Amino acid sequence: MILVDTALEKRKSAGNPIRVALIGAGFSARAVALNIVTGVPGMELVAIANRTLEGARRAYREAGVDSVKSVETVAQLEQAIQSGQPAITDDAMLVCQAAGIEAIIEATGQVEFGARVSMKAIENGKHVVLMNAELDATIGPILKVYADRAGVVFTDTDGEEPGVAMNLYRFAKAMGYQPVATGNIKGILDRYRTPETQMERAAQWGQNAQMITSFADGTKLNMECAIMANATGFRAGKRGMYGPACADVREAAKLFPADQLLNGGLVDYVLGAEPRTGAWVLAYTEHPVKKFYLDLFKLGSGPFYCLYTPYHLPPLQIGASVARAVLFHDATVAPMGAPVCDVLAVAKRDLKAGNVLDGTGGFMAYGLIDNAEVHQVEGFLPVGLSEGCRLKHDLPKDAPIRYADVVLPEGRLCDKLRAEQDDYFSAAVSARMASR
């Protein structure tokens, strides 16, 4: 951030702000709009695309912008940008194509729609910054391949736990310590929560009940940890991770198997720990002098040390990720190559033949992380692709759902990209399996 804020000030002084467009105008997206408009010097939110124009208009209005132009063509959008007029549209593909937009923030949480937006943005040479863990955890590795070919950045955002953890990971490495684990702090976890049980809490905060359910049932947690795994090479110690309960996040330094930490590293979480939010990294050293100083500075006797950030503020921190992508071609957190972990769909209740799965945060399935080679062998259905899939036969509660158990919806780009990802990285995943 120290480097980024200086670079943004230079863009501001030069009258050449980073021009960014936002896809989506939901709860989190509106907070992103507010922060960019009111709090990020050297960056300009030139357009918002949303399925309803009123939603896009509301996002600008809540950010203090009352005068916006509704556009229906790329030419109209480009004219609005040139004239300094904030634009709204119900066609996300316009902002993916328009000249003058350097980066797209995808904030819908939808896998199929997010895939189409990301591919169109990449095709048109725009950096893609995600507030869409569902997309990244499902087909992030192949989207990163396309982004690399196009010379643009594909990244998840600072402020979400994977970005916060990756900052800590890089911080530890820069100090000369070996990162061996990254993880989340989880307040509660109940795999069987549904939109009905979460309706009251969703209403309290003005959020979508299905999204709130994906937090409570652990699906979002598992997806975020898969994103961390794919960015670091760390693995899941077991399906669903260990998730030990503890009073304070610093206890994480002593809660995970040392052999797994030192043999490839782990992604995981701690349950119920103070400060109740944020992300953490375990760093390792056996160097006696380094251990002495870390003990002196209150980090413990080692050899594992917990570094943590006691907050995560995605709408407030996303500006740094956009600036890093545009100004420094630096991804906050992105897949490093072949997928390391994946998130499979698991039956949340007894399911019947003919049931149509309702996706992440629904009534029918939750997501559990496992290692990519297990997914490849078992043929598991990624929970990010589960929405709209029709069951061929009955499945009992807590049964993993496989591709062989379902009929996929027809014509989805996300399924095509997932098949391409599986094929593209098949040899690398098989080689990893053979080496273990």
Protein backbone atom coordinates (compact mmCIF):
# COMPACT_ATOMS: atom_id res chain seq x y z
CA MET A 1 0.00 0.00 0.00
CA ILE A 2 2.89 2.40 0.69
CA LEU A 3 3.97 2.12 -2.94
CA VAL A 4 0.43 2.00 -4.33
CA ASP A 5 -0.82 5.18 -2.70
CA THR A 6 2.12 7.16 -4.07
CA ALA A 7 1.51 5.82 -7.57
CA LEU A 8 -2.20 6.66 -7.34
CA GLU A 9 -1.37 10.21 -6.26
CA LYS A 10 0.80 10.55 -9.37
CA ARG A 11 -2.09 9.41 -11.58
CA LYS A 12 -4.34 11.94 -9.84
CA SER A 13 -1.83 14.77 -10.26
CA ALA A 14 -1.42 13.92 -13.93
CA GLY A 15 -5.18 14.07 -14.47
CA ASN A 16 -5.06 10.45 -15.60
CA PRO A 17 -6.96 8.39 -13.03
CA ILE A 18 -7.32 4.63 -13.33
CA ARG A 19 -10.70 4.12 -14.96
CA VAL A 20 -12.52 1.11 -13.58
CA ALA A 21 -15.96 -0.43 -14.13
CA LEU A 22 -18.00 -2.43 -11.64
CA ILE A 23 -20.11 -5.46 -12.51
CA GLY A 24 -22.93 -5.92 -10.01
CA ALA A 25 -24.71 -3.58 -7.61
CA GLY A 26 -25.53 -5.80 -4.66
CA PHE A 27 -24.65 -5.33 -1.00
CA SER A 28 -20.87 -5.59 -1.37
CA ALA A 29 -20.73 -3.95 -4.79
CA ARG A 30 -22.47 -0.83 -3.48
CA ALA A 31 -19.85 -0.55 -0.76
CA VAL A 32 -17.12 -0.86 -3.41
CA ALA A 33 -18.73 1.95 -5.41
CA LEU A 34 -18.94 4.16 -2.33
CA ASN A 35 -15.30 3.62 -1.46
CA ILE A 36 -13.89 4.21 -4.94
CA VAL A 37 -15.97 7.35 -5.49
CA THR A 38 -15.26 8.87 -2.08
CA GLY A 39 -12.00 7.40 -0.90
CA VAL A 40 -9.53 6.34 -3.61
CA PRO A 41 -7.54 9.20 -5.14
CA GLY A 42 -6.30 8.56 -8.66
CA MET A 43 -9.13 6.12 -9.46
CA GLU A 44 -12.46 6.78 -11.16
CA LEU A 45 -15.52 4.54 -11.26
CA VAL A 46 -16.67 5.29 -14.81
CA ALA A 47 -19.45 2.72 -15.16
CA ILE A 48 -21.60 0.23 -13.28
CA ALA A 49 -23.26 -2.69 -15.06
CA ASN A 50 -26.13 -4.44 -13.33
CA ARG A 51 -29.07 -6.58 -14.42
CA THR A 52 -31.36 -3.72 -13.37
CA LEU A 53 -30.58 -0.11 -14.12
CA GLU A 54 -32.17 0.99 -10.87
CA GLY A 55 -29.69 -1.14 -8.93
CA ALA A 56 -26.76 0.49 -10.73
CA ARG A 57 -28.30 3.93 -10.24
CA ARG A 58 -28.74 3.20 -6.51
CA ALA A 59 -25.06 2.24 -6.16
CA TYR A 60 -23.98 5.59 -7.63
CA ARG A 61 -26.60 7.51 -5.63
CA GLU A 62 -25.42 5.98 -2.33
CA ALA A 63 -21.90 7.06 -3.29
CA GLY A 64 -23.14 10.64 -3.71
CA VAL A 65 -23.40 10.63 -7.52
CA ASP A 66 -26.85 11.68 -8.70
CA SER A 67 -26.19 12.42 -12.37
CA VAL A 68 -25.57 9.26 -14.41
CA LYS A 69 -26.09 8.37 -18.06
CA SER A 70 -27.85 5.20 -19.14
CA VAL A 71 -26.08 3.66 -22.14
CA GLU A 72 -27.03 0.89 -24.52
CA THR A 73 -24.05 0.65 -26.87
CA VAL A 74 -20.28 0.60 -26.62
CA ALA A 75 -20.11 3.89 -28.51
CA GLN A 76 -22.46 5.57 -26.02
CA LEU A 77 -20.39 4.26 -23.12
CA GLU A 78 -17.13 5.44 -24.65
CA GLN A 79 -18.63 8.88 -25.22
CA ALA A 80 -19.77 9.03 -21.58
CA ILE A 81 -16.28 8.11 -20.39
CA GLN A 82 -14.66 10.75 -22.60
CA SER A 83 -17.03 13.40 -21.30
CA GLY A 84 -16.55 12.42 -17.65
CA GLN A 85 -20.16 11.28 -17.23
CA PRO A 86 -20.66 8.21 -14.98
CA ALA A 87 -22.57 5.56 -16.92
CA ILE A 88 -24.95 2.75 -16.05
CA THR A 89 -26.01 -0.19 -18.21
CA ASP A 90 -27.82 -3.49 -17.93
CA ASP A 91 -25.40 -5.04 -20.46
CA ALA A 92 -22.16 -6.03 -18.72
CA MET A 93 -20.50 -6.85 -22.02
CA LEU A 94 -20.42 -3.15 -22.90
CA VAL A 95 -18.01 -2.33 -20.08
CA CYS A 96 -15.88 -5.34 -21.02
CA GLN A 97 -15.43 -3.92 -24.52
CA ALA A 98 -15.35 -0.15 -24.11
CA ALA A 99 -12.08 1.71 -24.64
CA GLY A 100 -10.90 3.79 -21.71
CA ILE A 101 -11.66 1.18 -19.03
CA GLU A 102 -8.51 -0.40 -17.63
CA ALA A 103 -9.96 -2.84 -15.09
CA ILE A 104 -13.19 -4.67 -14.35
CA ILE A 105 -14.34 -5.50 -10.82
CA GLU A 106 -16.56 -8.61 -11.00
CA ALA A 107 -18.75 -8.61 -7.88
CA THR A 108 -21.76 -10.80 -8.68
CA GLY A 109 -20.84 -14.08 -6.97
CA GLN A 110 -22.23 -15.90 -10.02
CA VAL A 111 -20.09 -18.55 -11.72
CA GLU A 112 -21.65 -18.71 -15.18
CA PHE A 113 -22.18 -14.97 -15.53
CA GLY A 114 -18.79 -14.24 -13.99
CA ALA A 115 -17.12 -16.60 -16.45
CA ARG A 116 -18.68 -14.79 -19.40
CA VAL A 117 -17.73 -11.38 -18.04
CA SER A 118 -14.16 -12.44 -17.24
CA MET A 119 -13.56 -13.99 -20.64
CA LYS A 120 -14.94 -10.95 -22.48
CA ALA A 121 -12.87 -8.56 -20.34
CA ILE A 122 -9.70 -10.60 -20.86
CA GLU A 123 -10.38 -10.82 -24.60
CA ASN A 124 -10.51 -7.01 -24.66
CA GLY A 125 -7.29 -6.50 -22.71
CA LYS A 126 -8.78 -5.50 -19.35
CA HIS A 127 -7.51 -6.56 -15.95
CA VAL A 128 -10.03 -8.58 -13.91
CA VAL A 129 -10.34 -8.11 -10.15
CA LEU A 130 -12.72 -10.56 -8.49
CA MET A 131 -15.05 -10.29 -5.56
CA ASN A 132 -16.31 -13.68 -6.68
CA ALA A 133 -14.72 -16.54 -4.76
CA GLU A 134 -17.23 -18.92 -6.32
CA LEU A 135 -15.77 -18.27 -9.78
CA ASP A 136 -12.12 -18.26 -8.74
CA ALA A 137 -12.35 -21.50 -6.74
CA THR A 138 -14.09 -23.28 -9.62
CA ILE A 139 -12.34 -22.18 -12.81
CA GLY A 140 -9.76 -19.63 -11.66
CA PRO A 141 -6.74 -21.61 -12.94
CA ILE A 142 -7.94 -21.72 -16.55
CA LEU A 143 -9.06 -18.09 -16.47
CA LYS A 144 -5.54 -17.22 -15.28
CA VAL A 145 -4.15 -19.06 -18.34
CA TYR A 146 -6.29 -16.91 -20.63
CA ALA A 147 -5.29 -13.75 -18.75
CA ASP A 148 -1.58 -14.60 -19.05
CA ARG A 149 -1.94 -15.14 -22.79
CA ALA A 150 -3.64 -11.74 -23.11
CA GLY A 151 -1.05 -9.98 -20.94
CA VAL A 152 -3.54 -8.89 -18.27
CA VAL A 153 -3.88 -9.53 -14.55
CA PHE A 154 -6.50 -11.92 -13.16
CA THR A 155 -6.73 -11.65 -9.39
CA ASP A 156 -8.87 -12.04 -6.32
CA THR A 157 -8.97 -8.99 -4.10
CA ASP A 158 -7.25 -7.64 -1.04
CA GLY A 159 -9.73 -7.41 1.83
CA GLU A 160 -11.14 -10.87 1.19
CA GLU A 161 -9.38 -13.49 3.30
CA PRO A 162 -7.33 -14.99 0.44
CA GLY A 163 -5.91 -11.57 -0.39
CA VAL A 164 -5.24 -10.72 3.25
CA ALA A 165 -3.53 -14.08 3.76
CA MET A 166 -1.46 -13.70 0.59
CA ASN A 167 -0.18 -10.33 1.77
CA LEU A 168 0.95 -12.00 5.00
CA TYR A 169 2.49 -14.88 3.04
CA ARG A 170 4.57 -12.47 0.96
CA PHE A 171 5.45 -10.47 4.07
CA ALA A 172 6.77 -13.59 5.82
CA LYS A 173 8.82 -14.62 2.78
CA ALA A 174 10.26 -11.11 2.45
CA MET A 175 11.52 -11.37 6.05
CA GLY A 176 13.25 -14.65 5.26
CA TYR A 177 10.80 -17.01 6.97
CA GLN A 178 9.14 -20.04 5.42
CA PRO A 179 5.34 -19.80 5.15
CA VAL A 180 3.83 -23.21 5.90
CA ALA A 181 0.11 -22.50 6.30
CA THR A 182 -2.53 -19.93 5.46
CA GLY A 183 -6.02 -19.73 6.82
CA ASN A 184 -9.23 -18.03 7.90
CA ILE A 185 -10.77 -17.27 11.25
CA LYS A 186 -14.29 -18.72 11.34
CA GLY A 187 -16.84 -17.65 13.94
CA ILE A 188 -19.46 -20.40 13.55
CA LEU A 189 -19.88 -23.40 11.30
CA ASP A 190 -23.01 -25.45 10.69
CA ARG A 191 -23.03 -27.42 7.43
CA TYR A 192 -26.81 -27.70 7.46
CA ARG A 193 -27.81 -24.05 7.61
CA THR A 194 -30.24 -22.98 4.87
CA PRO A 195 -31.64 -19.73 3.50
CA GLU A 196 -34.59 -20.28 5.82
CA THR A 197 -32.46 -20.46 8.96
CA GLN A 198 -30.40 -17.44 7.82
CA MET A 199 -33.30 -15.28 6.66
CA GLU A 200 -33.47 -13.16 9.81
CA ARG A 201 -29.74 -12.43 9.86
CA ALA A 202 -29.75 -11.61 6.16
CA ALA A 203 -32.60 -9.16 6.69
CA GLN A 204 -30.78 -7.58 9.64
CA TRP A 205 -27.84 -6.64 7.42
CA GLY A 206 -29.71 -6.14 4.15
CA GLN A 207 -27.98 -9.08 2.49
CA ASN A 208 -29.00 -12.03 0.35
CA ALA A 209 -30.06 -15.04 2.46
CA GLN A 210 -28.37 -17.55 0.14
CA MET A 211 -25.08 -15.66 0.35
CA ILE A 212 -25.31 -15.53 4.16
CA THR A 213 -25.99 -19.27 4.15
CA SER A 214 -22.82 -19.93 2.15
CA PHE A 215 -20.91 -18.24 4.97
CA ALA A 216 -22.62 -20.18 7.77
CA ASP A 217 -22.46 -23.63 6.13
CA GLY A 218 -18.75 -23.25 5.36
CA THR A 219 -18.98 -23.32 1.57
CA LYS A 220 -17.49 -19.83 1.17
CA LEU A 221 -14.77 -20.69 3.70
CA ASN A 222 -13.80 -23.80 1.74
CA MET A 223 -13.76 -21.85 -1.52
CA GLU A 224 -11.56 -19.14 -0.05
CA CYS A 225 -9.14 -21.75 1.26
CA ALA A 226 -9.06 -23.37 -2.20
CA ILE A 227 -8.11 -19.99 -3.65
CA MET A 228 -5.26 -19.77 -1.11
CA ALA A 229 -4.17 -23.32 -1.95
CA ASN A 230 -4.08 -22.60 -5.67
CA ALA A 231 -2.02 -19.46 -5.06
CA THR A 232 0.53 -20.99 -2.68
CA GLY A 233 0.71 -24.71 -3.45
CA PHE A 234 -0.47 -25.55 0.08
CA ARG A 235 -2.84 -28.50 0.46
CA ALA A 236 -5.82 -29.55 2.53
CA GLY A 237 -4.71 -31.81 5.37
CA LYS A 238 -7.97 -33.73 5.03
CA ARG A 239 -11.33 -33.25 3.34
CA GLY A 240 -12.95 -30.16 4.82
CA MET A 241 -9.72 -29.26 6.69
CA TYR A 242 -9.07 -29.64 10.44
CA GLY A 243 -10.64 -26.41 11.72
CA PRO A 244 -9.58 -26.66 15.37
CA ALA A 245 -11.47 -24.57 17.91
CA CYS A 246 -9.37 -22.21 20.00
CA ALA A 247 -9.65 -19.01 22.01
CA ASP A 248 -7.07 -16.93 20.13
CA VAL A 249 -5.74 -17.13 16.58
CA ARG A 250 -2.15 -17.18 17.88
CA GLU A 251 -2.80 -20.69 19.16
CA ALA A 252 -2.80 -21.83 15.52
CA ALA A 253 0.98 -22.08 15.72
CA LYS A 254 0.59 -25.27 17.78
CA LEU A 255 -2.63 -26.80 16.39
CA PHE A 256 -1.67 -28.41 13.07
CA PRO A 257 0.42 -31.51 12.24
CA ALA A 258 4.05 -30.45 11.92
CA ASP A 259 4.79 -33.11 9.31
CA GLN A 260 2.09 -31.73 6.99
CA LEU A 261 3.16 -28.14 7.60
CA LEU A 262 6.71 -29.01 6.58
CA ASN A 263 5.76 -31.32 3.73
CA GLY A 264 4.03 -28.96 1.33
CA GLY A 265 2.10 -26.73 3.73
CA LEU A 266 -1.58 -26.48 4.68
CA VAL A 267 -4.64 -24.35 4.09
CA ASP A 268 -7.02 -24.43 7.05
CA TYR A 269 -9.01 -22.37 9.53
CA VAL A 270 -9.47 -21.88 13.25
CA LEU A 271 -12.94 -21.84 14.79
CA GLY A 272 -14.22 -19.28 17.29
CA ALA A 273 -10.86 -17.60 17.79
CA GLU A 274 -10.27 -13.99 18.69
CA PRO A 275 -10.15 -11.55 16.96
CA ARG A 276 -13.04 -13.38 15.24
CA THR A 277 -12.20 -12.08 11.78
CA GLY A 278 -9.26 -11.68 9.41
CA ALA A 279 -6.68 -14.14 8.14
CA TRP A 280 -3.43 -15.71 9.32
CA VAL A 281 -0.23 -17.33 8.13
CA LEU A 282 2.10 -19.69 9.94
CA ALA A 283 5.78 -18.94 9.33
CA TYR A 284 8.60 -21.35 10.22
CA THR A 285 12.22 -21.06 11.18
CA GLU A 286 14.73 -23.14 13.14
CA HIS A 287 17.40 -20.42 13.02
CA PRO A 288 18.38 -19.89 16.68
CA VAL A 289 18.99 -16.16 16.42
CA LYS A 290 15.77 -15.53 14.48
CA LYS A 291 13.87 -17.57 17.08
CA PHE A 292 15.45 -15.50 19.84
CA TYR A 293 14.25 -12.24 18.30
CA LEU A 294 10.78 -13.49 17.54
CA ASP A 295 10.46 -14.63 21.16
CA LEU A 296 11.71 -11.20 22.28
CA PHE A 297 9.06 -9.54 20.10
CA LYS A 298 6.27 -11.61 21.69
CA LEU A 299 5.66 -14.07 18.84
CA GLY A 300 6.51 -17.14 20.91
CA SER A 301 9.25 -19.72 21.08
CA GLY A 302 8.56 -21.31 17.69
CA PRO A 303 9.47 -22.94 15.46
CA PHE A 304 6.03 -22.01 14.04
CA TYR A 305 4.85 -18.42 14.36
CA CYS A 306 1.40 -17.00 13.72
CA LEU A 307 1.18 -13.77 11.75
CA TYR A 308 -2.34 -12.41 11.44
CA THR A 309 -4.42 -9.45 10.34
CA PRO A 310 -7.38 -8.83 12.69
CA TYR A 311 -9.73 -7.55 10.00
CA HIS A 312 -10.73 -8.00 6.38
CA LEU A 313 -12.45 -5.13 4.62
CA PRO A 314 -13.04 -6.11 0.99
CA PRO A 315 -14.97 -3.03 -0.20
CA LEU A 316 -12.39 -0.74 1.42
CA GLN A 317 -9.24 -2.59 0.39
CA ILE A 318 -10.15 -3.49 -3.18
CA GLY A 319 -8.77 -0.22 -4.54
CA ALA A 320 -5.26 -1.40 -3.71
CA SER A 321 -5.80 -4.59 -5.71
CA VAL A 322 -7.05 -2.64 -8.72
CA ALA A 323 -4.07 -0.29 -8.53
CA ARG A 324 -1.58 -3.15 -8.13
CA ALA A 325 -3.01 -4.84 -11.23
CA VAL A 326 -3.11 -1.74 -13.42
CA LEU A 327 0.04 0.09 -12.27
CA PHE A 328 2.37 -2.78 -11.36
CA HIS A 329 0.91 -5.83 -13.14
CA ASP A 330 0.86 -7.45 -9.69
CA ALA A 331 -1.87 -9.90 -8.71
CA THR A 332 -2.97 -9.78 -5.08
CA VAL A 333 -3.78 -13.49 -5.15
CA ALA A 334 -4.05 -15.69 -8.23
CA PRO A 335 -3.61 -19.35 -9.20
CA MET A 336 0.05 -20.29 -9.62
CA GLY A 337 -0.67 -23.00 -12.19
CA ALA A 338 -2.45 -26.32 -11.91
CA PRO A 339 -5.20 -26.44 -9.29
CA VAL A 340 -4.00 -27.73 -5.93
CA CYS A 341 -7.39 -27.90 -4.22
CA ASP A 342 -11.00 -27.96 -5.28
CA VAL A 343 -14.38 -27.75 -3.54
CA LEU A 344 -16.81 -30.62 -4.03
CA ALA A 345 -20.57 -30.54 -3.59
CA VAL A 346 -21.93 -32.63 -0.70
CA ALA A 347 -25.59 -33.41 -0.02
CA LYS A 348 -26.96 -31.18 2.73
CA ARG A 349 -29.98 -33.47 3.18
CA ASP A 350 -31.33 -36.65 1.64
CA LEU A 351 -31.75 -35.89 -2.04
CA LYS A 352 -34.12 -37.52 -4.51
CA ALA A 353 -33.81 -38.38 -8.17
CA GLY A 354 -35.00 -35.44 -10.23
CA ASN A 355 -34.03 -32.81 -7.65
CA VAL A 356 -32.42 -29.76 -9.26
CA LEU A 357 -29.55 -28.50 -7.13
CA ASP A 358 -29.81 -24.90 -5.99
CA GLY A 359 -26.12 -24.00 -5.80
CA THR A 360 -23.92 -22.54 -3.09
CA GLY A 361 -25.72 -21.41 0.04
CA GLY A 362 -28.88 -23.28 -0.87
CA PHE A 363 -31.01 -25.99 0.71
CA MET A 364 -29.40 -28.97 -1.02
CA ALA A 365 -25.60 -28.92 -0.92
CA TYR A 366 -22.60 -27.56 0.93
CA GLY A 367 -19.00 -27.43 -0.22
CA LEU A 368 -15.92 -29.19 1.16
CA ILE A 369 -12.33 -28.66 0.06
CA ASP A 370 -10.17 -31.58 -0.99
CA ASN A 371 -6.98 -31.95 -2.98
CA ALA A 372 -7.19 -31.70 -6.75
CA GLU A 373 -5.87 -35.19 -7.42
CA VAL A 374 -8.68 -36.64 -5.28
CA HIS A 375 -11.21 -34.72 -7.36
CA GLN A 376 -9.64 -36.01 -10.54
CA VAL A 377 -9.79 -39.64 -9.45
CA GLU A 378 -13.24 -39.49 -7.82
CA GLY A 379 -14.97 -37.35 -10.45
CA PHE A 380 -16.51 -35.01 -7.87
CA LEU A 381 -18.90 -32.27 -8.96
CA PRO A 382 -17.50 -28.84 -8.01
CA VAL A 383 -20.02 -27.05 -5.80
CA GLY A 384 -19.50 -23.94 -7.94
CA LEU A 385 -21.05 -25.82 -10.89
CA SER A 386 -23.83 -27.49 -8.92
CA GLU A 387 -26.60 -24.95 -9.50
CA GLY A 388 -29.10 -26.24 -12.05
CA CYS A 389 -27.74 -29.80 -12.08
CA ARG A 390 -30.45 -32.50 -12.01
CA LEU A 391 -29.90 -35.63 -9.94
CA LYS A 392 -30.12 -38.97 -11.74
CA HIS A 393 -30.82 -40.95 -8.54
CA ASP A 394 -31.27 -40.63 -4.79
CA LEU A 395 -28.33 -39.58 -2.60
CA PRO A 396 -28.16 -39.71 1.19
CA LYS A 397 -27.30 -36.75 3.39
CA ASP A 398 -23.53 -36.00 3.49
CA ALA A 399 -22.82 -38.03 0.34
CA PRO A 400 -20.31 -36.46 -2.07
CA ILE A 401 -21.96 -35.59 -5.38
CA ARG A 402 -20.17 -36.73 -8.53
CA TYR A 403 -20.51 -35.75 -12.15
CA ALA A 404 -21.89 -39.24 -12.72
CA ASP A 405 -24.77 -38.45 -10.34
CA VAL A 406 -26.12 -35.47 -12.29
CA VAL A 407 -27.20 -34.09 -15.63
CA LEU A 408 -25.52 -30.74 -16.26
CA PRO A 409 -27.50 -27.81 -17.66
CA GLU A 410 -26.93 -27.36 -21.38
CA GLY A 411 -24.79 -24.69 -22.98
CA ARG A 412 -22.95 -23.25 -19.99
CA LEU A 413 -19.58 -21.62 -20.59
CA CYS A 414 -18.49 -22.45 -17.05
CA ASP A 415 -18.80 -26.19 -17.78
CA LYS A 416 -16.81 -25.79 -20.99
CA LEU A 417 -14.07 -23.89 -19.16
CA ARG A 418 -14.03 -26.41 -16.33
CA ALA A 419 -13.61 -29.28 -18.78
CA GLU A 420 -10.83 -27.35 -20.47
CA GLN A 421 -9.18 -26.71 -17.10
CA ASP A 422 -9.34 -30.39 -16.14
CA ASP A 423 -7.83 -31.40 -19.47
CA TYR A 424 -5.18 -28.64 -19.55
CA PHE A 425 -3.85 -29.46 -16.09
CA SER A 426 -4.52 -33.21 -16.06
CA ALA A 427 -0.88 -34.21 -16.49
CA ALA A 428 0.33 -31.84 -13.75
CA VAL A 429 -2.28 -33.06 -11.29
CA SER A 430 -1.47 -36.70 -12.11
CA ALA A 431 2.24 -36.06 -11.63
CA ARG A 432 1.55 -34.53 -8.23
CA MET A 433 -0.47 -37.60 -7.27
CA ALA A 434 2.30 -39.93 -8.40
CA SER A 435 4.87 -38.02 -6.33
CA ARG A 436 2.98 -38.54 -3.07
